[in-house]
Structure formats: C-alpha cells, structure tokens
Amino acid sequence: MPELPEVETTVRGLKTLLGARIERVEVLDPRLEVSEDALRGAVIQGIKRRGKYIVFDLSADRSLIVHLRMSGRLILRCAPEERRYARLILTLDRGTLHFVDPRRLGTAAIEENGFRHRLGVDPFDPQFTVDRLGEMLSISRAPVKPFLMDQKRIAGIGNIYACEILAEAKIDPRRPARSLSPEEVERLRVAVLSVLQRAIDRMGTSLGTSISDYRESSGRYGSFQDRLRAYGREGEPCPRCGKTIVRIVQAGRSTYYCPGCQR
C-alpha cells in the first residue's frame, strides 16, 4: 500500500540515521538481494525517496534500495509481535533498523552502479510541468486513472492517491488520457501536487491497525484516511455534490469516483 506520501514520510523519519555506521547485519530472508559483507561497516551517507523506493546511499559507492510493496515497513523500534516478520535487521552504532514485511512482497537490494530502475518524472520535480504532463497525456490511449499509476510516466502515485487526485480534479477516471483539455490538464497537475502534499503533511494514509498496515518509522499511524474524498467510500455521499460514490474495477484495481462531479 505505501505510495509516495507514505514513503516520503518514512524517509523523513529515518533522517536521524544519517552518518550512522552499520555494525551488524542479519539477512533473515534469502530472497532479498542483500549481502551481509556488503553492508557491514558501511556508513549511511544519504537517505532519499525515488518514486516509491527508499534509497540509502552508503560509503564505498554502494546503495541499499528498498521497496515496501504492500506491507513492508522500515522501523526503528520493533515490537515483539513484529519481530517474527523481520526480513532484514541492521544494527547501527545508534540504534537498530528493522525491515518488517508480513506479506514478504517488498524488496531490498544492494546496487553498485547507482539507481537502476526506470521511473517517470517525480510529481515534486520542477520538470513536472503542465506542458510535460500535457505531452504525456496527449499520446496515451489509456484511461486517465491507470495512466496516473504508470510508474514509467509519473513516479510514486498508486491506487489510493490516483482516486483522490481525480476526485479533486473533477475528472472521470475512465476518460482516455488524451481526451483531457488544456484546462483539465492544468487542473490535474494542481490536484496531483495538492493531494500528495496534504497527505505528506498528515503522515500518509493508514487504512487499518493490523500488523500489515502502514505506520511510519517510529510507529505512528498516518491520518490522511480521515480526509479521503473518494477512495473506499463506495455507497457514501460525495462530500462535494452529495451524489453516491461508486466503485468500478480498472486494470484489476478498485476505482472509486463520483459520477456527479467527475466528468
């Protein structure tokens, strides 16, 4: 579930680890592309977000790249009931970092030659201009909601925020991307930045309190779920026009939208 706001919140919470040295490494899941020897003794020189990825820049020109997928979390304090789901534990000279992942869908890998994943433009990159968004939309026959979720076009947006962005922009998620007018393209870009920033300000979206649900690195839940306009609100009235929110399926994912205001 973690999307751009949740990953950004996690990264910000891990900034206290800058300059820390990795003293001990426990790789508890052989599916992770991580070598204990490659990490032991390394110093964390930078922590940043690339799309939905978390990148630890290490000494010796190496990077540890983590993708949380559905249920992964990087946490600084691991409760006893969470310890059984730990896949990687880094003991530092100032605390311990656990990669906890009940569904074991997340990834972690050491990269020697920089970030290898091909991603689209980040929404908070200055290059995410209305002209660039309009150009990308104009050549796509895909419905606009799957377009927003294509990581090779725009990096970081997933199902929850695609629904919320389109609700705020008043755009029907079924519309072909290339059908948007210049005014709608501008409205969409504004909604992308507005929704994502508000979600970051509220530390992301926590949809439940189970072991698999999102919490940031110190264990706090996000609160943007209290502000969701469309996602998960099937059968409820639209907060803008009062029409009933409906659910459809697009590309195998649930889409929530208001047929009254999203056209």
C-alpha atoms as a PDB file:
ATOM      1  CA  MET A   1       0.000   0.000   0.000  1.00  0.00           C
ATOM      2  CA  PRO A   2       2.710   2.598   0.729  1.00  0.00           C
ATOM      3  CA  GLU A   3       2.702   5.231  -2.020  1.00  0.00           C
ATOM      4  CA  LEU A   4       4.649   8.453  -2.400  1.00  0.00           C
ATOM      5  CA  PRO A   5       3.330  10.175   0.784  1.00  0.00           C
ATOM      6  CA  GLU A   6       3.961   7.128   2.976  1.00  0.00           C
ATOM      7  CA  VAL A   7       7.432   6.567   1.541  1.00  0.00           C
ATOM      8  CA  GLU A   8       8.323  10.248   1.873  1.00  0.00           C
ATOM      9  CA  THR A   9       7.126  10.223   5.487  1.00  0.00           C
ATOM     10  CA  THR A  10       9.214   7.118   6.192  1.00  0.00           C
ATOM     11  CA  VAL A  11      12.311   8.698   4.657  1.00  0.00           C
ATOM     12  CA  ARG A  12      11.912  11.838   6.741  1.00  0.00           C
ATOM     13  CA  GLY A  13      11.606   9.732   9.885  1.00  0.00           C
ATOM     14  CA  LEU A  14      14.844   7.900   9.081  1.00  0.00           C
ATOM     15  CA  LYS A  15      16.959  11.039   8.671  1.00  0.00           C
ATOM     16  CA  THR A  16      18.247  10.542  12.235  1.00  0.00           C
ATOM     17  CA  LEU A  17      20.326   7.670  10.833  1.00  0.00           C
ATOM     18  CA  LEU A  18      22.462   9.899   8.621  1.00  0.00           C
ATOM     19  CA  GLY A  19      26.106   9.306   9.466  1.00  0.00           C
ATOM     20  CA  ALA A  20      25.388   6.058  11.318  1.00  0.00           C
ATOM     21  CA  ARG A  21      27.656   3.058  10.793  1.00  0.00           C
ATOM     22  CA  ILE A  22      26.236  -0.414  10.199  1.00  0.00           C
ATOM     23  CA  GLU A  23      27.842  -2.732  12.745  1.00  0.00           C
ATOM     24  CA  ARG A  24      25.825  -5.919  12.338  1.00  0.00           C
ATOM     25  CA  VAL A  25      23.658  -7.295   9.529  1.00  0.00           C
ATOM     26  CA  GLU A  26      21.031 -10.059   9.796  1.00  0.00           C
ATOM     27  CA  VAL A  27      19.548 -11.168   6.481  1.00  0.00           C
ATOM     28  CA  LEU A  28      16.527 -13.238   7.536  1.00  0.00           C
ATOM     29  CA  ASP A  29      15.046 -13.752   4.073  1.00  0.00           C
ATOM     30  CA  PRO A  30      17.317 -15.207   1.360  1.00  0.00           C
ATOM     31  CA  ARG A  31      15.077 -13.683  -1.323  1.00  0.00           C
ATOM     32  CA  LEU A  32      16.490 -10.255  -0.536  1.00  0.00           C
ATOM     33  CA  GLU A  33      19.393  -9.249  -2.762  1.00  0.00           C
ATOM     34  CA  VAL A  34      21.498  -8.211   0.202  1.00  0.00           C
ATOM     35  CA  SER A  35      24.944  -9.361   1.278  1.00  0.00           C
ATOM     36  CA  GLU A  36      25.956  -9.058   4.901  1.00  0.00           C
ATOM     37  CA  ASP A  37      29.557  -8.379   3.857  1.00  0.00           C
ATOM     38  CA  ALA A  38      28.454  -5.566   1.519  1.00  0.00           C
ATOM     39  CA  LEU A  39      26.630  -3.750   4.332  1.00  0.00           C
ATOM     40  CA  ARG A  40      28.725  -4.416   7.400  1.00  0.00           C
ATOM     41  CA  GLY A  41      30.879  -1.394   8.250  1.00  0.00           C
ATOM     42  CA  ALA A  42      29.188   0.897   5.717  1.00  0.00           C
ATOM     43  CA  VAL A  43      28.206   4.433   6.722  1.00  0.00           C
ATOM     44  CA  ILE A  44      24.782   5.815   5.779  1.00  0.00           C
ATOM     45  CA  GLN A  45      25.614   8.992   3.869  1.00  0.00           C
ATOM     46  CA  GLY A  46      22.185   9.795   2.456  1.00  0.00           C
ATOM     47  CA  ILE A  47      18.548   8.682   2.606  1.00  0.00           C
ATOM     48  CA  LYS A  48      16.148   9.710  -0.131  1.00  0.00           C
ATOM     49  CA  ARG A  49      12.999   8.753  -1.985  1.00  0.00           C
ATOM     50  CA  ARG A  50      12.838   7.821  -5.659  1.00  0.00           C
ATOM     51  CA  GLY A  51       9.195   7.257  -6.579  1.00  0.00           C
ATOM     52  CA  LYS A  52       8.110   4.562  -4.136  1.00  0.00           C
ATOM     53  CA  TYR A  53      11.684   3.414  -3.486  1.00  0.00           C
ATOM     54  CA  ILE A  54      13.790   4.254  -0.435  1.00  0.00           C
ATOM     55  CA  VAL A  55      17.468   4.711  -1.273  1.00  0.00           C
ATOM     56  CA  PHE A  56      20.216   4.541   1.353  1.00  0.00           C
ATOM     57  CA  ASP A  57      23.406   5.997  -0.086  1.00  0.00           C
ATOM     58  CA  LEU A  58      26.296   4.191   1.597  1.00  0.00           C
ATOM     59  CA  SER A  59      30.040   4.645   1.746  1.00  0.00           C
ATOM     60  CA  ALA A  60      32.138   2.756  -0.828  1.00  0.00           C
ATOM     61  CA  ASP A  61      29.786   3.952  -3.614  1.00  0.00           C
ATOM     62  CA  ARG A  62      27.041   1.499  -2.765  1.00  0.00           C
ATOM     63  CA  SER A  63      23.318   1.920  -2.245  1.00  0.00           C
ATOM     64  CA  LEU A  64      20.727  -0.119  -0.389  1.00  0.00           C
ATOM     65  CA  ILE A  65      17.437   0.197  -2.260  1.00  0.00           C
ATOM     66  CA  VAL A  66      14.191  -0.834  -0.553  1.00  0.00           C
ATOM     67  CA  HIS A  67      10.678  -1.067  -1.963  1.00  0.00           C
ATOM     68  CA  LEU A  68       7.998  -1.587   0.699  1.00  0.00           C
ATOM     69  CA  ARG A  69       5.316  -3.012  -1.642  1.00  0.00           C
ATOM     70  CA  MET A  70       2.077  -3.949   0.158  1.00  0.00           C
ATOM     71  CA  SER A  71       3.014  -4.411   3.802  1.00  0.00           C
ATOM     72  CA  GLY A  72       6.687  -3.516   4.221  1.00  0.00           C
ATOM     73  CA  ARG A  73       7.868  -1.029   6.839  1.00  0.00           C
ATOM     74  CA  LEU A  74      11.233   0.291   7.945  1.00  0.00           C
ATOM     75  CA  ILE A  75      11.011   0.812  11.686  1.00  0.00           C
ATOM     76  CA  LEU A  76      13.378   1.969  14.394  1.00  0.00           C
ATOM     77  CA  ARG A  77      11.605   0.250  17.288  1.00  0.00           C
ATOM     78  CA  CYS A  78      10.350  -3.276  16.665  1.00  0.00           C
ATOM     79  CA  ALA A  79       7.658  -4.659  18.957  1.00  0.00           C
ATOM     80  CA  PRO A  80       7.965  -8.327  19.965  1.00  0.00           C
ATOM     81  CA  GLU A  81       4.943  -9.315  17.871  1.00  0.00           C
ATOM     82  CA  GLU A  82       6.548  -7.701  14.806  1.00  0.00           C
ATOM     83  CA  ARG A  83       9.935  -9.378  15.196  1.00  0.00           C
ATOM     84  CA  ARG A  84       8.725 -12.592  13.529  1.00  0.00           C
ATOM     85  CA  TYR A  85       8.056 -10.626  10.335  1.00  0.00           C
ATOM     86  CA  ALA A  86      11.519  -9.053  10.155  1.00  0.00           C
ATOM     87  CA  ARG A  87      13.344  -9.822   6.911  1.00  0.00           C
ATOM     88  CA  LEU A  88      16.412  -7.654   7.451  1.00  0.00           C
ATOM     89  CA  ILE A  89      17.886  -6.165  10.625  1.00  0.00           C
ATOM     90  CA  LEU A  90      20.658  -3.575  10.638  1.00  0.00           C
ATOM     91  CA  THR A  91      22.292  -2.902  13.978  1.00  0.00           C
ATOM     92  CA  LEU A  92      23.852   0.552  13.859  1.00  0.00           C
ATOM     93  CA  ASP A  93      26.152   2.462  16.161  1.00  0.00           C
ATOM     94  CA  ARG A  94      22.989   4.397  17.098  1.00  0.00           C
ATOM     95  CA  GLY A  95      20.013   2.073  17.243  1.00  0.00           C
ATOM     96  CA  THR A  96      18.578  -0.686  15.075  1.00  0.00           C
ATOM     97  CA  LEU A  97      16.674  -0.598  11.795  1.00  0.00           C
ATOM     98  CA  HIS A  98      14.200  -3.394  11.006  1.00  0.00           C
ATOM     99  CA  PHE A  99      12.694  -4.181   7.616  1.00  0.00           C
ATOM    100  CA  VAL A 100       9.382  -5.767   8.669  1.00  0.00           C
ATOM    101  CA  ASP A 101       7.154  -7.217   5.964  1.00  0.00           C
ATOM    102  CA  PRO A 102       4.322  -9.658   6.871  1.00  0.00           C
ATOM    103  CA  ARG A 103       3.414 -10.415   3.252  1.00  0.00           C
ATOM    104  CA  ARG A 104       7.078 -10.660   2.165  1.00  0.00           C
ATOM    105  CA  LEU A 105       6.439  -8.841  -1.115  1.00  0.00           C
ATOM    106  CA  GLY A 106       8.878  -5.987  -0.517  1.00  0.00           C
ATOM    107  CA  THR A 107      12.371  -5.928  -1.964  1.00  0.00           C
ATOM    108  CA  ALA A 108      15.809  -4.893  -0.780  1.00  0.00           C
ATOM    109  CA  ALA A 109      18.930  -4.916  -2.926  1.00  0.00           C
ATOM    110  CA  ILE A 110      22.495  -3.620  -2.960  1.00  0.00           C
ATOM    111  CA  GLU A 111      23.384  -1.574  -6.028  1.00  0.00           C
ATOM    112  CA  GLU A 112      26.956  -0.800  -7.015  1.00  0.00           C
ATOM    113  CA  ASN A 113      26.212   1.343 -10.058  1.00  0.00           C
ATOM    114  CA  GLY A 114      23.514   3.747  -8.953  1.00  0.00           C
ATOM    115  CA  PHE A 115      19.739   3.544  -9.153  1.00  0.00           C
ATOM    116  CA  ARG A 116      18.864   1.103 -11.930  1.00  0.00           C
ATOM    117  CA  HIS A 117      15.070   1.365 -12.025  1.00  0.00           C
ATOM    118  CA  ARG A 118      13.482   3.320 -14.864  1.00  0.00           C
ATOM    119  CA  LEU A 119      10.977   5.745 -13.427  1.00  0.00           C
ATOM    120  CA  GLY A 120       8.950   8.599 -14.797  1.00  0.00           C
ATOM    121  CA  VAL A 121       9.020  12.176 -13.560  1.00  0.00           C
ATOM    122  CA  ASP A 122       8.528  12.774  -9.837  1.00  0.00           C
ATOM    123  CA  PRO A 123       5.486  14.951  -9.075  1.00  0.00           C
ATOM    124  CA  PHE A 124       7.647  17.285  -6.959  1.00  0.00           C
ATOM    125  CA  ASP A 125      10.359  17.604  -9.587  1.00  0.00           C
ATOM    126  CA  PRO A 126      10.413  21.051 -11.277  1.00  0.00           C
ATOM    127  CA  GLN A 127      10.233  19.149 -14.572  1.00  0.00           C
ATOM    128  CA  PHE A 128       6.686  18.059 -13.750  1.00  0.00           C
ATOM    129  CA  THR A 129       5.224  20.999 -15.646  1.00  0.00           C
ATOM    130  CA  VAL A 130       1.798  21.366 -17.168  1.00  0.00           C
ATOM    131  CA  ASP A 131       3.411  21.180 -20.630  1.00  0.00           C
ATOM    132  CA  ARG A 132       5.177  17.917 -19.847  1.00  0.00           C
ATOM    133  CA  LEU A 133       2.062  16.387 -18.315  1.00  0.00           C
ATOM    134  CA  GLY A 134       0.015  17.505 -21.302  1.00  0.00           C
ATOM    135  CA  GLU A 135       2.509  15.928 -23.722  1.00  0.00           C
ATOM    136  CA  MET A 136       2.420  12.609 -21.868  1.00  0.00           C
ATOM    137  CA  LEU A 137      -1.369  12.594 -21.701  1.00  0.00           C
ATOM    138  CA  SER A 138      -1.767  13.503 -25.372  1.00  0.00           C
ATOM    139  CA  ILE A 139      -0.069  10.327 -26.622  1.00  0.00           C
ATOM    140  CA  SER A 140      -1.809   7.878 -24.291  1.00  0.00           C
ATOM    141  CA  ARG A 141      -4.960   5.932 -25.093  1.00  0.00           C
ATOM    142  CA  ALA A 142      -5.079   4.539 -21.532  1.00  0.00           C
ATOM    143  CA  PRO A 143      -7.816   5.648 -19.157  1.00  0.00           C
ATOM    144  CA  VAL A 144      -6.527   8.518 -17.073  1.00  0.00           C
ATOM    145  CA  LYS A 145      -6.521   6.621 -13.780  1.00  0.00           C
ATOM    146  CA  PRO A 146      -4.197   3.787 -14.930  1.00  0.00           C
ATOM    147  CA  PHE A 147      -2.141   6.494 -16.646  1.00  0.00           C
ATOM    148  CA  LEU A 148      -1.515   8.180 -13.287  1.00  0.00           C
ATOM    149  CA  MET A 149      -0.422   4.863 -11.777  1.00  0.00           C
ATOM    150  CA  ASP A 150       2.107   4.053 -14.517  1.00  0.00           C
ATOM    151  CA  GLN A 151       5.451   4.437 -12.735  1.00  0.00           C
ATOM    152  CA  LYS A 152       7.280   4.918 -16.031  1.00  0.00           C
ATOM    153  CA  ARG A 153       5.237   8.078 -16.616  1.00  0.00           C
ATOM    154  CA  ILE A 154       4.801   9.577 -13.136  1.00  0.00           C
ATOM    155  CA  ALA A 155       6.686   8.036 -10.218  1.00  0.00           C
ATOM    156  CA  GLY A 156       5.027   7.461  -6.874  1.00  0.00           C
ATOM    157  CA  ILE A 157       1.244   7.523  -7.408  1.00  0.00           C
ATOM    158  CA  GLY A 158      -0.702   4.382  -6.532  1.00  0.00           C
ATOM    159  CA  ASN A 159      -4.342   3.382  -6.307  1.00  0.00           C
ATOM    160  CA  ILE A 160      -5.417   5.454  -3.313  1.00  0.00           C
ATOM    161  CA  TYR A 161      -3.968   8.743  -4.469  1.00  0.00           C
ATOM    162  CA  ALA A 162      -4.933   8.271  -8.117  1.00  0.00           C
ATOM    163  CA  CYS A 163      -8.572   8.065  -6.959  1.00  0.00           C
ATOM    164  CA  GLU A 164      -8.181  11.094  -4.712  1.00  0.00           C
ATOM    165  CA  ILE A 165      -6.388  13.187  -7.341  1.00  0.00           C
ATOM    166  CA  LEU A 166      -9.080  12.564  -9.948  1.00  0.00           C
ATOM    167  CA  ALA A 167     -11.822  13.313  -7.421  1.00  0.00           C
ATOM    168  CA  GLU A 168     -10.208  16.634  -6.594  1.00  0.00           C
ATOM    169  CA  ALA A 169      -9.662  17.455 -10.279  1.00  0.00           C
ATOM    170  CA  LYS A 170     -13.287  16.500 -11.122  1.00  0.00           C
ATOM    171  CA  ILE A 171     -12.151  14.115 -13.876  1.00  0.00           C
ATOM    172  CA  ASP A 172     -13.838  10.799 -14.677  1.00  0.00           C
ATOM    173  CA  PRO A 173     -11.224   8.031 -14.173  1.00  0.00           C
ATOM    174  CA  ARG A 174     -12.492   6.233 -17.294  1.00  0.00           C
ATOM    175  CA  ARG A 175     -11.689   9.114 -19.627  1.00  0.00           C
ATOM    176  CA  PRO A 176      -8.930   8.428 -22.172  1.00  0.00           C
ATOM    177  CA  ALA A 177      -5.828  10.310 -21.062  1.00  0.00           C
ATOM    178  CA  ARG A 178      -5.524  12.064 -24.394  1.00  0.00           C
ATOM    179  CA  SER A 179      -9.104  13.402 -24.167  1.00  0.00           C
ATOM    180  CA  LEU A 180      -8.272  15.944 -21.451  1.00  0.00           C
ATOM    181  CA  SER A 181      -8.496  19.600 -22.413  1.00  0.00           C
ATOM    182  CA  PRO A 182      -5.676  22.043 -21.568  1.00  0.00           C
ATOM    183  CA  GLU A 183      -7.751  23.375 -18.682  1.00  0.00           C
ATOM    184  CA  GLU A 184      -8.260  19.843 -17.345  1.00  0.00           C
ATOM    185  CA  VAL A 185      -4.550  19.073 -17.664  1.00  0.00           C
ATOM    186  CA  GLU A 186      -3.735  22.100 -15.516  1.00  0.00           C
ATOM    187  CA  ARG A 187      -6.421  21.098 -13.023  1.00  0.00           C
ATOM    188  CA  LEU A 188      -4.999  17.580 -12.872  1.00  0.00           C
ATOM    189  CA  ARG A 189      -1.456  18.791 -12.240  1.00  0.00           C
ATOM    190  CA  VAL A 190      -2.618  21.070  -9.434  1.00  0.00           C
ATOM    191  CA  ALA A 191      -4.575  18.192  -7.892  1.00  0.00           C
ATOM    192  CA  VAL A 192      -1.566  15.861  -8.039  1.00  0.00           C
ATOM    193  CA  LEU A 193       0.594  18.294  -6.086  1.00  0.00           C
ATOM    194  CA  SER A 194      -2.148  19.346  -3.679  1.00  0.00           C
ATOM    195  CA  VAL A 195      -3.344  15.855  -2.727  1.00  0.00           C
ATOM    196  CA  LEU A 196       0.163  14.418  -2.318  1.00  0.00           C
ATOM    197  CA  GLN A 197       1.369  17.360  -0.228  1.00  0.00           C
ATOM    198  CA  ARG A 198      -1.655  17.237   2.056  1.00  0.00           C
ATOM    199  CA  ALA A 199      -1.134  13.517   2.528  1.00  0.00           C
ATOM    200  CA  ILE A 200       2.540  14.057   3.410  1.00  0.00           C
ATOM    201  CA  ASP A 201       1.518  16.751   5.891  1.00  0.00           C
ATOM    202  CA  ARG A 202      -0.717  14.169   7.598  1.00  0.00           C
ATOM    203  CA  MET A 203       1.973  11.439   7.500  1.00  0.00           C
ATOM    204  CA  GLY A 204       0.173   9.368   4.876  1.00  0.00           C
ATOM    205  CA  THR A 205      -2.826   7.051   4.934  1.00  0.00           C
ATOM    206  CA  SER A 206      -3.307   4.213   7.432  1.00  0.00           C
ATOM    207  CA  LEU A 207      -6.311   2.126   6.440  1.00  0.00           C
ATOM    208  CA  GLY A 208      -6.224  -0.146   9.494  1.00  0.00           C
ATOM    209  CA  THR A 209      -4.311  -1.082  12.627  1.00  0.00           C
ATOM    210  CA  SER A 210      -3.214  -4.643  11.817  1.00  0.00           C
ATOM    211  CA  ILE A 211       0.417  -5.755  11.689  1.00  0.00           C
ATOM    212  CA  SER A 212       0.309  -5.290   7.895  1.00  0.00           C
ATOM    213  CA  ASP A 213      -0.974  -1.714   7.872  1.00  0.00           C
ATOM    214  CA  TYR A 214       1.194   1.319   7.270  1.00  0.00           C
ATOM    215  CA  ARG A 215       2.916   3.164  10.090  1.00  0.00           C
ATOM    216  CA  GLU A 216       5.881   5.495   9.808  1.00  0.00           C
ATOM    217  CA  SER A 217       9.345   4.630  11.135  1.00  0.00           C
ATOM    218  CA  SER A 218       8.662   5.450  14.780  1.00  0.00           C
ATOM    219  CA  GLY A 219       5.351   3.556  14.800  1.00  0.00           C
ATOM    220  CA  ARG A 220       2.855   6.397  14.348  1.00  0.00           C
ATOM    221  CA  TYR A 221      -0.152   5.996  12.060  1.00  0.00           C
ATOM    222  CA  GLY A 222      -0.929   8.434   9.287  1.00  0.00           C
ATOM    223  CA  SER A 223      -4.178  10.399   9.380  1.00  0.00           C
ATOM    224  CA  PHE A 224      -4.969  11.241   5.753  1.00  0.00           C
ATOM    225  CA  GLN A 225      -7.598   8.464   5.793  1.00  0.00           C
ATOM    226  CA  ASP A 226      -9.782  10.951   7.658  1.00  0.00           C
ATOM    227  CA  ARG A 227      -9.682  13.250   4.613  1.00  0.00           C
ATOM    228  CA  LEU A 228     -10.318  10.764   1.803  1.00  0.00           C
ATOM    229  CA  ARG A 229     -12.829  12.150  -0.660  1.00  0.00           C
ATOM    230  CA  ALA A 230     -13.472   9.029  -2.768  1.00  0.00           C
ATOM    231  CA  TYR A 231     -11.232   6.053  -2.011  1.00  0.00           C
ATOM    232  CA  GLY A 232     -13.015   3.330  -0.022  1.00  0.00           C
ATOM    233  CA  ARG A 233     -16.233   5.361   0.184  1.00  0.00           C
ATOM    234  CA  GLU A 234     -18.485   3.280  -2.079  1.00  0.00           C
ATOM    235  CA  GLY A 235     -22.143   3.973  -1.315  1.00  0.00           C
ATOM    236  CA  GLU A 236     -21.412   7.143   0.657  1.00  0.00           C
ATOM    237  CA  PRO A 237     -22.389  10.661  -0.456  1.00  0.00           C
ATOM    238  CA  CYS A 238     -19.809  12.720  -2.307  1.00  0.00           C
ATOM    239  CA  PRO A 239     -18.633  15.492   0.037  1.00  0.00           C
ATOM    240  CA  ARG A 240     -18.837  17.971  -2.836  1.00  0.00           C
ATOM    241  CA  CYS A 241     -22.158  17.290  -4.578  1.00  0.00           C
ATOM    242  CA  GLY A 242     -23.908  14.644  -2.482  1.00  0.00           C
ATOM    243  CA  LYS A 243     -24.146  12.030  -5.252  1.00  0.00           C
ATOM    244  CA  THR A 244     -23.309   8.454  -4.297  1.00  0.00           C
ATOM    245  CA  ILE A 245     -19.680   7.330  -4.668  1.00  0.00           C
ATOM    246  CA  VAL A 246     -19.423   4.236  -6.875  1.00  0.00           C
ATOM    247  CA  ARG A 247     -16.782   1.554  -7.271  1.00  0.00           C
ATOM    248  CA  ILE A 248     -15.608   0.059 -10.558  1.00  0.00           C
ATOM    249  CA  VAL A 249     -12.617  -2.095 -11.489  1.00  0.00           C
ATOM    250  CA  GLN A 250      -9.859  -0.784 -13.747  1.00  0.00           C
ATOM    251  CA  ALA A 251      -6.774  -2.829 -14.611  1.00  0.00           C
ATOM    252  CA  GLY A 252      -7.627  -5.192 -11.773  1.00  0.00           C
ATOM    253  CA  ARG A 253      -7.797  -2.427  -9.150  1.00  0.00           C
ATOM    254  CA  SER A 254     -10.748  -0.807  -7.404  1.00  0.00           C
ATOM    255  CA  THR A 255     -11.567   2.708  -8.562  1.00  0.00           C
ATOM    256  CA  TYR A 256     -13.832   4.974  -6.516  1.00  0.00           C
ATOM    257  CA  TYR A 257     -15.355   8.100  -8.032  1.00  0.00           C
ATOM    258  CA  CYS A 258     -18.359  10.396  -8.027  1.00  0.00           C
ATOM    259  CA  PRO A 259     -20.476  10.186 -11.221  1.00  0.00           C
ATOM    260  CA  GLY A 260     -21.968  13.566 -10.310  1.00  0.00           C
ATOM    261  CA  CYS A 261     -18.869  15.751 -10.262  1.00  0.00           C
ATOM    262  CA  GLN A 262     -16.265  13.715 -12.149  1.00  0.00           C
ATOM    263  CA  ARG A 263     -16.869  14.084 -15.862  1.00  0.00           C
END
